[in-house]
Amino acid sequence: MEQVENKWKKGELVNFPWESTTFKKSGSTIYKHFYSSRFICIREEDEGHRGILLKVLGRTSPRDVLMVGGEPFCKDERDDRIDGRTYSGFRFPTSDEVIEALGILREDPELLKIFEKEDMHLNLNATFWVREPARSLLIVKKPQFYDASTNIITTATDGTSHYRLTMVYFYKGQIIC
């Protein structure tokens, strides 16, 4: 966790340096979640809620979403070294986090204008990748997406792209990923 000096305001553009945490190691391959660059504050921190920073990563095809350590993962960054390879990807939000973020954006159309201005285009009634995978008898199968127009979570099929979001929370000077 990183100490922050700011309490970001709703609509504020937040630029992060590259930060990561390892979540899986398999032989000489390491998988990390990371956050960096531009996020937009969609909710300010208060006594009852963590603040929320949101980044729209665009639409992603199912062929680009792998299952790693029981959760969906995209290889956004790759680092080849003599001792192995490291893949880093933005963490997928849970379905509850996606629903919460979409609700906040629906209540404040001015926020959507900020996302458009920053070239983070977003359709609030589209489909969105979520962290929860489809399971069968405790075996992880496939990544899933949330359909905002029907309020249903569905197993991904080949060929249909979905929006990819990532979120960072902040509370009392701490970044929470």
C-alpha atoms as a PDB file:
ATOM      1  CA  MET A   1       0.000   0.000   0.000  1.00  0.00           C
ATOM      2  CA  GLU A   2       1.175   3.432  -0.873  1.00  0.00           C
ATOM      3  CA  GLN A   3       0.704   6.551   1.228  1.00  0.00           C
ATOM      4  CA  VAL A   4      -1.096   9.336  -0.634  1.00  0.00           C
ATOM      5  CA  GLU A   5      -1.115  12.978   0.261  1.00  0.00           C
ATOM      6  CA  ASN A   6      -4.225  13.890  -1.689  1.00  0.00           C
ATOM      7  CA  LYS A   7      -7.861  13.199  -1.178  1.00  0.00           C
ATOM      8  CA  TRP A   8      -9.002  13.241  -4.768  1.00  0.00           C
ATOM      9  CA  LYS A   9     -12.152  15.078  -5.804  1.00  0.00           C
ATOM     10  CA  LYS A  10     -14.883  13.699  -8.011  1.00  0.00           C
ATOM     11  CA  GLY A  11     -13.985  14.197 -11.668  1.00  0.00           C
ATOM     12  CA  GLU A  12     -10.275  14.703 -10.965  1.00  0.00           C
ATOM     13  CA  LEU A  13      -7.762  13.042 -13.293  1.00  0.00           C
ATOM     14  CA  VAL A  14      -5.228  11.016 -11.285  1.00  0.00           C
ATOM     15  CA  ASN A  15      -1.866   9.934 -12.729  1.00  0.00           C
ATOM     16  CA  PHE A  16      -0.084   7.081 -10.987  1.00  0.00           C
ATOM     17  CA  PRO A  17       3.441   5.812 -11.407  1.00  0.00           C
ATOM     18  CA  TRP A  18       3.719   2.081 -12.161  1.00  0.00           C
ATOM     19  CA  GLU A  19       2.928  -0.013  -9.024  1.00  0.00           C
ATOM     20  CA  SER A  20       2.496  -3.781  -8.899  1.00  0.00           C
ATOM     21  CA  THR A  21       1.917  -6.779  -6.653  1.00  0.00           C
ATOM     22  CA  THR A  22       2.698 -10.403  -7.467  1.00  0.00           C
ATOM     23  CA  PHE A  23      -0.326 -12.707  -7.267  1.00  0.00           C
ATOM     24  CA  LYS A  24       0.977 -15.934  -8.860  1.00  0.00           C
ATOM     25  CA  LYS A  25       4.295 -17.561  -9.608  1.00  0.00           C
ATOM     26  CA  SER A  26       4.526 -20.634 -11.804  1.00  0.00           C
ATOM     27  CA  GLY A  27       8.062 -21.895 -12.390  1.00  0.00           C
ATOM     28  CA  SER A  28      10.021 -19.032 -13.911  1.00  0.00           C
ATOM     29  CA  THR A  29       6.849 -17.099 -14.858  1.00  0.00           C
ATOM     30  CA  ILE A  30       5.478 -14.415 -12.554  1.00  0.00           C
ATOM     31  CA  TYR A  31       2.019 -12.812 -12.822  1.00  0.00           C
ATOM     32  CA  LYS A  32       1.396  -9.389 -11.326  1.00  0.00           C
ATOM     33  CA  HIS A  33      -1.506  -7.016 -10.945  1.00  0.00           C
ATOM     34  CA  PHE A  34      -0.572  -3.415 -11.539  1.00  0.00           C
ATOM     35  CA  TYR A  35      -1.972   0.054 -11.791  1.00  0.00           C
ATOM     36  CA  SER A  36      -0.510   3.034 -13.554  1.00  0.00           C
ATOM     37  CA  SER A  37      -1.297   6.121 -15.585  1.00  0.00           C
ATOM     38  CA  ARG A  38      -4.668   7.861 -15.819  1.00  0.00           C
ATOM     39  CA  PHE A  39      -7.632   7.139 -13.570  1.00  0.00           C
ATOM     40  CA  ILE A  40     -10.650   9.361 -12.926  1.00  0.00           C
ATOM     41  CA  CYS A  41     -12.082   9.845  -9.448  1.00  0.00           C
ATOM     42  CA  ILE A  42     -15.750   8.852  -9.516  1.00  0.00           C
ATOM     43  CA  ARG A  43     -16.372   8.968  -5.763  1.00  0.00           C
ATOM     44  CA  GLU A  44     -14.679  10.970  -3.052  1.00  0.00           C
ATOM     45  CA  GLU A  45     -13.696   9.368   0.218  1.00  0.00           C
ATOM     46  CA  ASP A  46     -15.934  10.023   3.223  1.00  0.00           C
ATOM     47  CA  GLU A  47     -16.485   8.405   6.601  1.00  0.00           C
ATOM     48  CA  GLY A  48     -18.766   5.725   5.200  1.00  0.00           C
ATOM     49  CA  HIS A  49     -17.142   5.007   1.835  1.00  0.00           C
ATOM     50  CA  ARG A  50     -13.779   4.485   0.240  1.00  0.00           C
ATOM     51  CA  GLY A  51     -13.000   6.780  -2.663  1.00  0.00           C
ATOM     52  CA  ILE A  52     -13.052   5.181  -6.115  1.00  0.00           C
ATOM     53  CA  LEU A  53     -10.739   5.782  -9.055  1.00  0.00           C
ATOM     54  CA  LEU A  54     -11.800   4.228 -12.357  1.00  0.00           C
ATOM     55  CA  LYS A  55      -9.934   3.523 -15.585  1.00  0.00           C
ATOM     56  CA  VAL A  56     -11.626   2.384 -18.811  1.00  0.00           C
ATOM     57  CA  LEU A  57      -9.340   0.051 -20.749  1.00  0.00           C
ATOM     58  CA  GLY A  58     -11.562  -0.282 -23.812  1.00  0.00           C
ATOM     59  CA  ARG A  59     -13.115  -3.420 -25.246  1.00  0.00           C
ATOM     60  CA  THR A  60     -11.320  -6.767 -24.995  1.00  0.00           C
ATOM     61  CA  SER A  61     -11.938 -10.005 -26.856  1.00  0.00           C
ATOM     62  CA  PRO A  62     -12.294 -13.319 -24.956  1.00  0.00           C
ATOM     63  CA  ARG A  63      -9.184 -14.671 -26.724  1.00  0.00           C
ATOM     64  CA  ASP A  64      -7.135 -12.038 -24.840  1.00  0.00           C
ATOM     65  CA  VAL A  65      -8.483 -13.056 -21.420  1.00  0.00           C
ATOM     66  CA  LEU A  66      -6.645 -15.939 -19.738  1.00  0.00           C
ATOM     67  CA  MET A  67      -7.469 -17.707 -16.499  1.00  0.00           C
ATOM     68  CA  VAL A  68      -4.538 -17.359 -14.078  1.00  0.00           C
ATOM     69  CA  GLY A  69      -4.726 -18.289 -10.421  1.00  0.00           C
ATOM     70  CA  GLY A  70      -8.486 -18.751 -10.658  1.00  0.00           C
ATOM     71  CA  GLU A  71      -9.250 -15.311 -12.070  1.00  0.00           C
ATOM     72  CA  PRO A  72      -9.287 -13.605 -15.473  1.00  0.00           C
ATOM     73  CA  PHE A  73      -6.050 -11.965 -16.536  1.00  0.00           C
ATOM     74  CA  CYS A  74      -4.805  -9.976 -19.532  1.00  0.00           C
ATOM     75  CA  LYS A  75      -1.140  -9.690 -20.426  1.00  0.00           C
ATOM     76  CA  ASP A  76      -0.959  -5.895 -20.535  1.00  0.00           C
ATOM     77  CA  GLU A  77       2.793  -5.743 -19.914  1.00  0.00           C
ATOM     78  CA  ARG A  78       5.576  -8.291 -20.433  1.00  0.00           C
ATOM     79  CA  ASP A  79       9.085  -8.258 -18.989  1.00  0.00           C
ATOM     80  CA  ASP A  80      11.592 -10.854 -20.234  1.00  0.00           C
ATOM     81  CA  ARG A  81      14.594 -11.507 -18.009  1.00  0.00           C
ATOM     82  CA  ILE A  82      17.358 -14.084 -17.862  1.00  0.00           C
ATOM     83  CA  ASP A  83      15.672 -15.815 -14.903  1.00  0.00           C
ATOM     84  CA  GLY A  84      12.147 -15.831 -16.371  1.00  0.00           C
ATOM     85  CA  ARG A  85       9.242 -13.815 -17.655  1.00  0.00           C
ATOM     86  CA  THR A  86       6.850 -11.494 -15.841  1.00  0.00           C
ATOM     87  CA  TYR A  87       3.362 -10.633 -17.078  1.00  0.00           C
ATOM     88  CA  SER A  88       1.502  -7.701 -15.565  1.00  0.00           C
ATOM     89  CA  GLY A  89      -2.174  -6.904 -16.000  1.00  0.00           C
ATOM     90  CA  PHE A  90      -4.775  -4.545 -14.637  1.00  0.00           C
ATOM     91  CA  ARG A  91      -6.973  -6.304 -12.087  1.00  0.00           C
ATOM     92  CA  PHE A  92     -10.535  -7.072 -13.152  1.00  0.00           C
ATOM     93  CA  PRO A  93     -13.289  -5.657 -10.906  1.00  0.00           C
ATOM     94  CA  THR A  94     -15.930  -7.859  -9.299  1.00  0.00           C
ATOM     95  CA  SER A  95     -19.480  -7.714 -10.633  1.00  0.00           C
ATOM     96  CA  ASP A  96     -20.529  -5.765  -7.516  1.00  0.00           C
ATOM     97  CA  GLU A  97     -17.771  -3.221  -8.175  1.00  0.00           C
ATOM     98  CA  VAL A  98     -18.859  -2.832 -11.818  1.00  0.00           C
ATOM     99  CA  ILE A  99     -22.497  -2.387 -10.775  1.00  0.00           C
ATOM    100  CA  GLU A 100     -21.488   0.206  -8.165  1.00  0.00           C
ATOM    101  CA  ALA A 101     -19.326   2.160 -10.645  1.00  0.00           C
ATOM    102  CA  LEU A 102     -22.048   2.139 -13.320  1.00  0.00           C
ATOM    103  CA  GLY A 103     -24.593   3.363 -10.758  1.00  0.00           C
ATOM    104  CA  ILE A 104     -22.339   6.272  -9.802  1.00  0.00           C
ATOM    105  CA  LEU A 105     -21.817   7.188 -13.459  1.00  0.00           C
ATOM    106  CA  ARG A 106     -25.546   7.011 -14.227  1.00  0.00           C
ATOM    107  CA  GLU A 107     -26.269   9.436 -11.389  1.00  0.00           C
ATOM    108  CA  ASP A 108     -23.688  11.961 -12.638  1.00  0.00           C
ATOM    109  CA  PRO A 109     -23.659  12.505 -16.426  1.00  0.00           C
ATOM    110  CA  GLU A 110     -20.911  15.120 -15.996  1.00  0.00           C
ATOM    111  CA  LEU A 111     -18.518  12.295 -15.059  1.00  0.00           C
ATOM    112  CA  LEU A 112     -19.205  10.581 -18.382  1.00  0.00           C
ATOM    113  CA  LYS A 113     -18.205  13.783 -20.186  1.00  0.00           C
ATOM    114  CA  ILE A 114     -14.858  13.695 -18.350  1.00  0.00           C
ATOM    115  CA  PHE A 115     -14.276  10.091 -19.462  1.00  0.00           C
ATOM    116  CA  GLU A 116     -15.085  11.065 -23.068  1.00  0.00           C
ATOM    117  CA  LYS A 117     -12.713  14.040 -22.883  1.00  0.00           C
ATOM    118  CA  GLU A 118      -9.931  11.682 -21.696  1.00  0.00           C
ATOM    119  CA  ASP A 119     -10.623   9.232 -24.565  1.00  0.00           C
ATOM    120  CA  MET A 120     -12.009   6.612 -22.180  1.00  0.00           C
ATOM    121  CA  HIS A 121     -15.227   5.919 -24.066  1.00  0.00           C
ATOM    122  CA  LEU A 122     -17.900   4.013 -22.171  1.00  0.00           C
ATOM    123  CA  ASN A 123     -21.429   2.780 -22.867  1.00  0.00           C
ATOM    124  CA  LEU A 124     -23.241   2.290 -19.543  1.00  0.00           C
ATOM    125  CA  ASN A 125     -25.616  -0.307 -21.056  1.00  0.00           C
ATOM    126  CA  ALA A 126     -22.878  -2.484 -22.558  1.00  0.00           C
ATOM    127  CA  THR A 127     -21.153  -5.624 -21.255  1.00  0.00           C
ATOM    128  CA  PHE A 128     -18.208  -5.621 -18.835  1.00  0.00           C
ATOM    129  CA  TRP A 129     -15.630  -8.245 -17.872  1.00  0.00           C
ATOM    130  CA  VAL A 130     -15.820  -9.264 -14.200  1.00  0.00           C
ATOM    131  CA  ARG A 131     -13.420 -11.064 -11.878  1.00  0.00           C
ATOM    132  CA  GLU A 132     -15.738 -13.952 -10.941  1.00  0.00           C
ATOM    133  CA  PRO A 133     -15.145 -16.928 -13.266  1.00  0.00           C
ATOM    134  CA  ALA A 134     -17.706 -19.561 -14.200  1.00  0.00           C
ATOM    135  CA  ARG A 135     -17.210 -22.707 -12.102  1.00  0.00           C
ATOM    136  CA  SER A 136     -18.306 -26.296 -12.334  1.00  0.00           C
ATOM    137  CA  LEU A 137     -17.782 -28.520  -9.292  1.00  0.00           C
ATOM    138  CA  LEU A 138     -15.157 -26.103  -7.901  1.00  0.00           C
ATOM    139  CA  ILE A 139     -13.185 -26.181 -11.158  1.00  0.00           C
ATOM    140  CA  VAL A 140     -12.633 -22.784 -12.747  1.00  0.00           C
ATOM    141  CA  LYS A 141     -13.835 -22.757 -16.316  1.00  0.00           C
ATOM    142  CA  LYS A 142     -14.171 -19.485 -18.187  1.00  0.00           C
ATOM    143  CA  PRO A 143     -14.209 -15.751 -17.624  1.00  0.00           C
ATOM    144  CA  GLN A 144     -17.574 -14.051 -17.293  1.00  0.00           C
ATOM    145  CA  PHE A 145     -19.062 -10.685 -18.119  1.00  0.00           C
ATOM    146  CA  TYR A 146     -21.807  -8.532 -16.670  1.00  0.00           C
ATOM    147  CA  ASP A 147     -24.513  -7.365 -19.078  1.00  0.00           C
ATOM    148  CA  ALA A 148     -25.641  -3.966 -17.805  1.00  0.00           C
ATOM    149  CA  SER A 149     -28.738  -3.930 -20.017  1.00  0.00           C
ATOM    150  CA  THR A 150     -30.126  -7.159 -18.498  1.00  0.00           C
ATOM    151  CA  ASN A 151     -28.366  -7.154 -15.092  1.00  0.00           C
ATOM    152  CA  ILE A 152     -27.115 -10.718 -15.757  1.00  0.00           C
ATOM    153  CA  ILE A 153     -23.648 -12.289 -15.444  1.00  0.00           C
ATOM    154  CA  THR A 154     -22.883 -14.641 -18.331  1.00  0.00           C
ATOM    155  CA  THR A 155     -20.021 -16.933 -19.347  1.00  0.00           C
ATOM    156  CA  ALA A 156     -17.962 -15.445 -22.146  1.00  0.00           C
ATOM    157  CA  THR A 157     -18.119 -16.903 -25.636  1.00  0.00           C
ATOM    158  CA  ASP A 158     -15.663 -16.527 -28.472  1.00  0.00           C
ATOM    159  CA  GLY A 159     -15.850 -13.446 -30.631  1.00  0.00           C
ATOM    160  CA  THR A 160     -17.780 -11.005 -28.429  1.00  0.00           C
ATOM    161  CA  SER A 161     -15.735  -8.178 -26.948  1.00  0.00           C
ATOM    162  CA  HIS A 162     -16.628  -6.571 -23.629  1.00  0.00           C
ATOM    163  CA  TYR A 163     -15.508  -3.417 -21.854  1.00  0.00           C
ATOM    164  CA  ARG A 164     -12.642  -3.809 -19.459  1.00  0.00           C
ATOM    165  CA  LEU A 165     -12.509  -1.596 -16.390  1.00  0.00           C
ATOM    166  CA  THR A 166     -10.082  -1.446 -13.512  1.00  0.00           C
ATOM    167  CA  MET A 167     -10.614   0.265 -10.185  1.00  0.00           C
ATOM    168  CA  VAL A 168      -8.458   1.537  -7.361  1.00  0.00           C
ATOM    169  CA  TYR A 169      -9.856   2.511  -3.978  1.00  0.00           C
ATOM    170  CA  PHE A 170      -8.454   4.999  -1.520  1.00  0.00           C
ATOM    171  CA  TYR A 171      -9.212   5.629   2.140  1.00  0.00           C
ATOM    172  CA  LYS A 172      -7.392   7.569   4.859  1.00  0.00           C
ATOM    173  CA  GLY A 173      -4.266   8.054   2.784  1.00  0.00           C
ATOM    174  CA  GLN A 174      -4.039   4.430   1.613  1.00  0.00           C
ATOM    175  CA  ILE A 175      -4.386   2.991  -1.880  1.00  0.00           C
ATOM    176  CA  ILE A 176      -6.426  -0.222  -1.820  1.00  0.00           C
ATOM    177  CA  CYS A 177      -6.288  -2.499  -4.859  1.00  0.00           C
END
